[in-house]
Amino acid sequence: IGTPDAWNARIDAVLDGGVASIGEAIMARWF
């Protein structure tokens, strides 16, 4: 699933701003 670059970008975003920082983008892909 996914690419290393995409996962690394997500990891950096979450560690910097918490999961809420990517919440809107994730929810748009979930439902």
ModelCIF file with pLDDT and N, C-alpha, C, O atoms, coordinates in Angstrom:
data_MODEL
#
_entry.id   MODEL 
#
_entity.id                         1 
_entity.type                       polymer 
_entity.pdbx_number_of_molecules   1 
#
_entity_poly.entity_id                      1 
_entity_poly.type                           'polypeptide(L)' 
_entity_poly.nstd_linkage                   no 
_entity_poly.nstd_monomer                   no 
_entity_poly.pdbx_seq_one_letter_code       IGTPDAWNARIDAVLDGGVASIGEAIMARWF 
_entity_poly.pdbx_seq_one_letter_code_can   IGTPDAWNARIDAVLDGGVASIGEAIMARWF 
_entity_poly.pdbx_strand_id                 A 
#
loop_
_entity_poly_seq.entity_id 
_entity_poly_seq.num 
_entity_poly_seq.mon_id 
_entity_poly_seq.hetero 
1 1  ILE n 
1 2  GLY n 
1 3  THR n 
1 4  PRO n 
1 5  ASP n 
1 6  ALA n 
1 7  TRP n 
1 8  ASN n 
1 9  ALA n 
1 10 ARG n 
1 11 ILE n 
1 12 ASP n 
1 13 ALA n 
1 14 VAL n 
1 15 LEU n 
1 16 ASP n 
1 17 GLY n 
1 18 GLY n 
1 19 VAL n 
1 20 ALA n 
1 21 SER n 
1 22 ILE n 
1 23 GLY n 
1 24 GLU n 
1 25 ALA n 
1 26 ILE n 
1 27 MET n 
1 28 ALA n 
1 29 ARG n 
1 30 TRP n 
1 31 PHE n 
#
_struct_asym.id          A 
_struct_asym.entity_id   1 
#
loop_
_ma_qa_metric.id 
_ma_qa_metric.mode 
_ma_qa_metric.name 
_ma_qa_metric.software_group_id 
_ma_qa_metric.type 
1 global pLDDT . pLDDT 
2 local  pLDDT . pLDDT 
#
_ma_qa_metric_global.metric_id      1 
_ma_qa_metric_global.metric_value   96.74 
_ma_qa_metric_global.model_id       1 
_ma_qa_metric_global.ordinal_id     1 
#
loop_
_ma_qa_metric_local.label_asym_id 
_ma_qa_metric_local.label_comp_id 
_ma_qa_metric_local.label_seq_id 
_ma_qa_metric_local.metric_id 
_ma_qa_metric_local.metric_value 
_ma_qa_metric_local.model_id 
_ma_qa_metric_local.ordinal_id 
A ILE 1  2 98.00 1 1  
A GLY 2  2 96.00 1 2  
A THR 3  2 97.00 1 3  
A PRO 4  2 97.00 1 4  
A ASP 5  2 98.00 1 5  
A ALA 6  2 97.00 1 6  
A TRP 7  2 98.00 1 7  
A ASN 8  2 98.00 1 8  
A ALA 9  2 98.00 1 9  
A ARG 10 2 97.00 1 10 
A ILE 11 2 98.00 1 11 
A ASP 12 2 98.00 1 12 
A ALA 13 2 98.00 1 13 
A VAL 14 2 98.00 1 14 
A LEU 15 2 97.00 1 15 
A ASP 16 2 97.00 1 16 
A GLY 17 2 97.00 1 17 
A GLY 18 2 97.00 1 18 
A VAL 19 2 98.00 1 19 
A ALA 20 2 97.00 1 20 
A SER 21 2 97.00 1 21 
A ILE 22 2 97.00 1 22 
A GLY 23 2 96.00 1 23 
A GLU 24 2 95.00 1 24 
A ALA 25 2 95.00 1 25 
A ILE 26 2 96.00 1 26 
A MET 27 2 96.00 1 27 
A ALA 28 2 93.00 1 28 
A ARG 29 2 93.00 1 29 
A TRP 30 2 96.00 1 30 
A PHE 31 2 96.00 1 31 
#
loop_
_atom_site.group_PDB 
_atom_site.id 
_atom_site.type_symbol 
_atom_site.label_atom_id 
_atom_site.label_alt_id 
_atom_site.label_comp_id 
_atom_site.label_asym_id 
_atom_site.label_entity_id 
_atom_site.label_seq_id 
_atom_site.pdbx_PDB_ins_code 
_atom_site.Cartn_x 
_atom_site.Cartn_y 
_atom_site.Cartn_z 
_atom_site.occupancy 
_atom_site.B_iso_or_equiv 
_atom_site.pdbx_formal_charge 
_atom_site.auth_seq_id 
_atom_site.auth_comp_id 
_atom_site.auth_asym_id 
_atom_site.auth_atom_id 
_atom_site.pdbx_PDB_model_num 
ATOM 1   N N  . ILE A 1 1  ? 0.842   -1.194 0.000  1.00 98.00 ? 1  ILE A N  1 
ATOM 2   C CA . ILE A 1 1  ? 0.000   0.000  0.000  1.00 98.00 ? 1  ILE A CA 1 
ATOM 3   C C  . ILE A 1 1  ? 0.876   1.241  0.000  1.00 98.00 ? 1  ILE A C  1 
ATOM 4   O O  . ILE A 1 1  ? 1.713   1.405  0.888  1.00 98.00 ? 1  ILE A O  1 
ATOM 5   N N  . GLY A 1 2  ? 0.699   2.114  -0.976 1.00 96.00 ? 2  GLY A N  1 
ATOM 6   C CA . GLY A 1 2  ? 1.388   3.399  -0.985 1.00 96.00 ? 2  GLY A CA 1 
ATOM 7   C C  . GLY A 1 2  ? 2.857   3.308  -1.318 1.00 96.00 ? 2  GLY A C  1 
ATOM 8   O O  . GLY A 1 2  ? 3.384   2.235  -1.613 1.00 96.00 ? 2  GLY A O  1 
ATOM 9   N N  . THR A 1 3  ? 3.515   4.465  -1.265 1.00 97.00 ? 3  THR A N  1 
ATOM 10  C CA . THR A 1 3  ? 4.944   4.577  -1.570 1.00 97.00 ? 3  THR A CA 1 
ATOM 11  C C  . THR A 1 3  ? 5.684   5.091  -0.347 1.00 97.00 ? 3  THR A C  1 
ATOM 12  O O  . THR A 1 3  ? 5.085   5.746  0.506  1.00 97.00 ? 3  THR A O  1 
ATOM 13  N N  . PRO A 1 4  ? 6.984   4.804  -0.247 1.00 97.00 ? 4  PRO A N  1 
ATOM 14  C CA . PRO A 1 4  ? 7.753   5.337  0.893  1.00 97.00 ? 4  PRO A CA 1 
ATOM 15  C C  . PRO A 1 4  ? 7.664   6.851  1.020  1.00 97.00 ? 4  PRO A C  1 
ATOM 16  O O  . PRO A 1 4  ? 7.537   7.368  2.130  1.00 97.00 ? 4  PRO A O  1 
ATOM 17  N N  . ASP A 1 5  ? 7.730   7.565  -0.090 1.00 98.00 ? 5  ASP A N  1 
ATOM 18  C CA . ASP A 1 5  ? 7.662   9.026  -0.017 1.00 98.00 ? 5  ASP A CA 1 
ATOM 19  C C  . ASP A 1 5  ? 6.331   9.494  0.559  1.00 98.00 ? 5  ASP A C  1 
ATOM 20  O O  . ASP A 1 5  ? 6.294   10.399 1.392  1.00 98.00 ? 5  ASP A O  1 
ATOM 21  N N  . ALA A 1 6  ? 5.235   8.874  0.113  1.00 97.00 ? 6  ALA A N  1 
ATOM 22  C CA . ALA A 1 6  ? 3.922   9.271  0.619  1.00 97.00 ? 6  ALA A CA 1 
ATOM 23  C C  . ALA A 1 6  ? 3.786   8.968  2.106  1.00 97.00 ? 6  ALA A C  1 
ATOM 24  O O  . ALA A 1 6  ? 3.259   9.787  2.860  1.00 97.00 ? 6  ALA A O  1 
ATOM 25  N N  . TRP A 1 7  ? 4.255   7.804  2.532  1.00 98.00 ? 7  TRP A N  1 
ATOM 26  C CA . TRP A 1 7  ? 4.184   7.464  3.952  1.00 98.00 ? 7  TRP A CA 1 
ATOM 27  C C  . TRP A 1 7  ? 5.079   8.372  4.784  1.00 98.00 ? 7  TRP A C  1 
ATOM 28  O O  . TRP A 1 7  ? 4.683   8.793  5.870  1.00 98.00 ? 7  TRP A O  1 
ATOM 29  N N  . ASN A 1 8  ? 6.262   8.678  4.302  1.00 98.00 ? 8  ASN A N  1 
ATOM 30  C CA . ASN A 1 8  ? 7.158   9.557  5.063  1.00 98.00 ? 8  ASN A CA 1 
ATOM 31  C C  . ASN A 1 8  ? 6.556   10.946 5.224  1.00 98.00 ? 8  ASN A C  1 
ATOM 32  O O  . ASN A 1 8  ? 6.682   11.561 6.283  1.00 98.00 ? 8  ASN A O  1 
ATOM 33  N N  . ALA A 1 9  ? 5.903   11.442 4.178  1.00 98.00 ? 9  ALA A N  1 
ATOM 34  C CA . ALA A 1 9  ? 5.254   12.748 4.283  1.00 98.00 ? 9  ALA A CA 1 
ATOM 35  C C  . ALA A 1 9  ? 4.131   12.717 5.306  1.00 98.00 ? 9  ALA A C  1 
ATOM 36  O O  . ALA A 1 9  ? 3.953   13.670 6.065  1.00 98.00 ? 9  ALA A O  1 
ATOM 37  N N  . ARG A 1 10 ? 3.372   11.627 5.331  1.00 97.00 ? 10 ARG A N  1 
ATOM 38  C CA . ARG A 1 10 ? 2.289   11.527 6.301  1.00 97.00 ? 10 ARG A CA 1 
ATOM 39  C C  . ARG A 1 10 ? 2.834   11.410 7.715  1.00 97.00 ? 10 ARG A C  1 
ATOM 40  O O  . ARG A 1 10 ? 2.311   12.034 8.639  1.00 97.00 ? 10 ARG A O  1 
ATOM 41  N N  . ILE A 1 11 ? 3.866   10.626 7.884  1.00 98.00 ? 11 ILE A N  1 
ATOM 42  C CA . ILE A 1 11 ? 4.492   10.482 9.210  1.00 98.00 ? 11 ILE A CA 1 
ATOM 43  C C  . ILE A 1 11 ? 4.970   11.841 9.717  1.00 98.00 ? 11 ILE A C  1 
ATOM 44  O O  . ILE A 1 11 ? 4.723   12.197 10.870 1.00 98.00 ? 11 ILE A O  1 
ATOM 45  N N  . ASP A 1 12 ? 5.646   12.593 8.867  1.00 98.00 ? 12 ASP A N  1 
ATOM 46  C CA . ASP A 1 12 ? 6.149   13.916 9.276  1.00 98.00 ? 12 ASP A CA 1 
ATOM 47  C C  . ASP A 1 12 ? 5.005   14.840 9.664  1.00 98.00 ? 12 ASP A C  1 
ATOM 48  O O  . ASP A 1 12 ? 5.097   15.563 10.656 1.00 98.00 ? 12 ASP A O  1 
ATOM 49  N N  . ALA A 1 13 ? 3.915   14.820 8.879  1.00 98.00 ? 13 ALA A N  1 
ATOM 50  C CA . ALA A 1 13 ? 2.775   15.687 9.165  1.00 98.00 ? 13 ALA A CA 1 
ATOM 51  C C  . ALA A 1 13 ? 2.139   15.350 10.507 1.00 98.00 ? 13 ALA A C  1 
ATOM 52  O O  . ALA A 1 13 ? 1.793   16.244 11.279 1.00 98.00 ? 13 ALA A O  1 
ATOM 53  N N  . VAL A 1 14 ? 1.986   14.057 10.782 1.00 98.00 ? 14 VAL A N  1 
ATOM 54  C CA . VAL A 1 14 ? 1.337   13.621 12.013 1.00 98.00 ? 14 VAL A CA 1 
ATOM 55  C C  . VAL A 1 14 ? 2.216   13.924 13.229 1.00 98.00 ? 14 VAL A C  1 
ATOM 56  O O  . VAL A 1 14 ? 1.714   14.395 14.250 1.00 98.00 ? 14 VAL A O  1 
ATOM 57  N N  . LEU A 1 15 ? 3.505   13.663 13.130 1.00 97.00 ? 15 LEU A N  1 
ATOM 58  C CA . LEU A 1 15 ? 4.389   13.934 14.262 1.00 97.00 ? 15 LEU A CA 1 
ATOM 59  C C  . LEU A 1 15 ? 4.528   15.432 14.516 1.00 97.00 ? 15 LEU A C  1 
ATOM 60  O O  . LEU A 1 15 ? 4.799   15.857 15.639 1.00 97.00 ? 15 LEU A O  1 
ATOM 61  N N  . ASP A 1 16 ? 4.341   16.226 13.469 1.00 97.00 ? 16 ASP A N  1 
ATOM 62  C CA . ASP A 1 16 ? 4.445   17.681 13.616 1.00 97.00 ? 16 ASP A CA 1 
ATOM 63  C C  . ASP A 1 16 ? 3.146   18.291 14.125 1.00 97.00 ? 16 ASP A C  1 
ATOM 64  O O  . ASP A 1 16 ? 3.172   19.161 14.996 1.00 97.00 ? 16 ASP A O  1 
ATOM 65  N N  . GLY A 1 17 ? 1.987   17.837 13.579 1.00 97.00 ? 17 GLY A N  1 
ATOM 66  C CA . GLY A 1 17 ? 0.728   18.504 13.903 1.00 97.00 ? 17 GLY A CA 1 
ATOM 67  C C  . GLY A 1 17 ? -0.352  17.612 14.466 1.00 97.00 ? 17 GLY A C  1 
ATOM 68  O O  . GLY A 1 17 ? -1.480  18.068 14.655 1.00 97.00 ? 17 GLY A O  1 
ATOM 69  N N  . GLY A 1 18 ? -0.050  16.354 14.742 1.00 97.00 ? 18 GLY A N  1 
ATOM 70  C CA . GLY A 1 18 ? -1.060  15.426 15.240 1.00 97.00 ? 18 GLY A CA 1 
ATOM 71  C C  . GLY A 1 18 ? -1.914  14.875 14.112 1.00 97.00 ? 18 GLY A C  1 
ATOM 72  O O  . GLY A 1 18 ? -1.863  15.363 12.983 1.00 97.00 ? 18 GLY A O  1 
ATOM 73  N N  . VAL A 1 19 ? -2.699  13.854 14.427 1.00 98.00 ? 19 VAL A N  1 
ATOM 74  C CA . VAL A 1 19 ? -3.530  13.214 13.410 1.00 98.00 ? 19 VAL A CA 1 
ATOM 75  C C  . VAL A 1 19 ? -4.586  14.189 12.885 1.00 98.00 ? 19 VAL A C  1 
ATOM 76  O O  . VAL A 1 19 ? -4.997  14.088 11.729 1.00 98.00 ? 19 VAL A O  1 
ATOM 77  N N  . ALA A 1 20 ? -5.028  15.132 13.724 1.00 97.00 ? 20 ALA A N  1 
ATOM 78  C CA . ALA A 1 20 ? -6.035  16.099 13.282 1.00 97.00 ? 20 ALA A CA 1 
ATOM 79  C C  . ALA A 1 20 ? -5.559  16.920 12.086 1.00 97.00 ? 20 ALA A C  1 
ATOM 80  O O  . ALA A 1 20 ? -6.373  17.412 11.305 1.00 97.00 ? 20 ALA A O  1 
ATOM 81  N N  . SER A 1 21 ? -4.242  17.067 11.942 1.00 97.00 ? 21 SER A N  1 
ATOM 82  C CA . SER A 1 21 ? -3.723  17.877 10.838 1.00 97.00 ? 21 SER A CA 1 
ATOM 83  C C  . SER A 1 21 ? -3.995  17.240 9.477  1.00 97.00 ? 21 SER A C  1 
ATOM 84  O O  . SER A 1 21 ? -3.972  17.932 8.459  1.00 97.00 ? 21 SER A O  1 
ATOM 85  N N  . ILE A 1 22 ? -4.250  15.943 9.444  1.00 97.00 ? 22 ILE A N  1 
ATOM 86  C CA . ILE A 1 22 ? -4.545  15.261 8.181  1.00 97.00 ? 22 ILE A CA 1 
ATOM 87  C C  . ILE A 1 22 ? -5.968  14.712 8.162  1.00 97.00 ? 22 ILE A C  1 
ATOM 88  O O  . ILE A 1 22 ? -6.350  14.001 7.233  1.00 97.00 ? 22 ILE A O  1 
ATOM 89  N N  . GLY A 1 23 ? -6.757  15.045 9.193  1.00 96.00 ? 23 GLY A N  1 
ATOM 90  C CA . GLY A 1 23 ? -8.078  14.454 9.341  1.00 96.00 ? 23 GLY A CA 1 
ATOM 91  C C  . GLY A 1 23 ? -8.991  14.693 8.158  1.00 96.00 ? 23 GLY A C  1 
ATOM 92  O O  . GLY A 1 23 ? -9.641  13.760 7.687  1.00 96.00 ? 23 GLY A O  1 
ATOM 93  N N  . GLU A 1 24 ? -9.056  15.908 7.671  1.00 95.00 ? 24 GLU A N  1 
ATOM 94  C CA . GLU A 1 24 ? -9.965  16.212 6.571  1.00 95.00 ? 24 GLU A CA 1 
ATOM 95  C C  . GLU A 1 24 ? -9.612  15.418 5.321  1.00 95.00 ? 24 GLU A C  1 
ATOM 96  O O  . GLU A 1 24 ? -10.493 14.881 4.649  1.00 95.00 ? 24 GLU A O  1 
ATOM 97  N N  . ALA A 1 25 ? -8.317  15.346 5.011  1.00 95.00 ? 25 ALA A N  1 
ATOM 98  C CA . ALA A 1 25 ? -7.884  14.619 3.813  1.00 95.00 ? 25 ALA A CA 1 
ATOM 99  C C  . ALA A 1 25 ? -8.166  13.123 3.934  1.00 95.00 ? 25 ALA A C  1 
ATOM 100 O O  . ALA A 1 25 ? -8.587  12.488 2.967  1.00 95.00 ? 25 ALA A O  1 
ATOM 101 N N  . ILE A 1 26 ? -7.938  12.567 5.107  1.00 96.00 ? 26 ILE A N  1 
ATOM 102 C CA . ILE A 1 26 ? -8.172  11.137 5.304  1.00 96.00 ? 26 ILE A CA 1 
ATOM 103 C C  . ILE A 1 26 ? -9.662  10.816 5.211  1.00 96.00 ? 26 ILE A C  1 
ATOM 104 O O  . ILE A 1 26 ? -10.048 9.839  4.569  1.00 96.00 ? 26 ILE A O  1 
ATOM 105 N N  . MET A 1 27 ? -10.489 11.621 5.840  1.00 96.00 ? 27 MET A N  1 
ATOM 106 C CA . MET A 1 27 ? -11.920 11.350 5.832  1.00 96.00 ? 27 MET A CA 1 
ATOM 107 C C  . MET A 1 27 ? -12.500 11.413 4.424  1.00 96.00 ? 27 MET A C  1 
ATOM 108 O O  . MET A 1 27 ? -13.424 10.665 4.103  1.00 96.00 ? 27 MET A O  1 
ATOM 109 N N  . ALA A 1 28 ? -11.973 12.286 3.592  1.00 93.00 ? 28 ALA A N  1 
ATOM 110 C CA . ALA A 1 28 ? -12.445 12.373 2.208  1.00 93.00 ? 28 ALA A CA 1 
ATOM 111 C C  . ALA A 1 28 ? -12.136 11.103 1.434  1.00 93.00 ? 28 ALA A C  1 
ATOM 112 O O  . ALA A 1 28 ? -12.832 10.780 0.471  1.00 93.00 ? 28 ALA A O  1 
ATOM 113 N N  . ARG A 1 29 ? -11.099 10.379 1.844  1.00 93.00 ? 29 ARG A N  1 
ATOM 114 C CA . ARG A 1 29 ? -10.725 9.143  1.167  1.00 93.00 ? 29 ARG A CA 1 
ATOM 115 C C  . ARG A 1 29 ? -11.410 7.927  1.788  1.00 93.00 ? 29 ARG A C  1 
ATOM 116 O O  . ARG A 1 29 ? -11.530 6.883  1.147  1.00 93.00 ? 29 ARG A O  1 
ATOM 117 N N  . TRP A 1 30 ? -11.853 8.063  3.021  1.00 96.00 ? 30 TRP A N  1 
ATOM 118 C CA . TRP A 1 30 ? -12.461 6.934  3.728  1.00 96.00 ? 30 TRP A CA 1 
ATOM 119 C C  . TRP A 1 30 ? -13.908 6.664  3.324  1.00 96.00 ? 30 TRP A C  1 
ATOM 120 O O  . TRP A 1 30 ? -14.308 5.507  3.192  1.00 96.00 ? 30 TRP A O  1 
ATOM 121 N N  . PHE A 1 31 ? -14.697 7.723  3.126  1.00 96.00 ? 31 PHE A N  1 
ATOM 122 C CA . PHE A 1 31 ? -16.143 7.557  3.000  1.00 96.00 ? 31 PHE A CA 1 
ATOM 123 C C  . PHE A 1 31 ? -16.641 8.000  1.638  1.00 96.00 ? 31 PHE A C  1 
ATOM 124 O O  . PHE A 1 31 ? -17.839 7.927  1.365  1.00 96.00 ? 31 PHE A O  1 
#
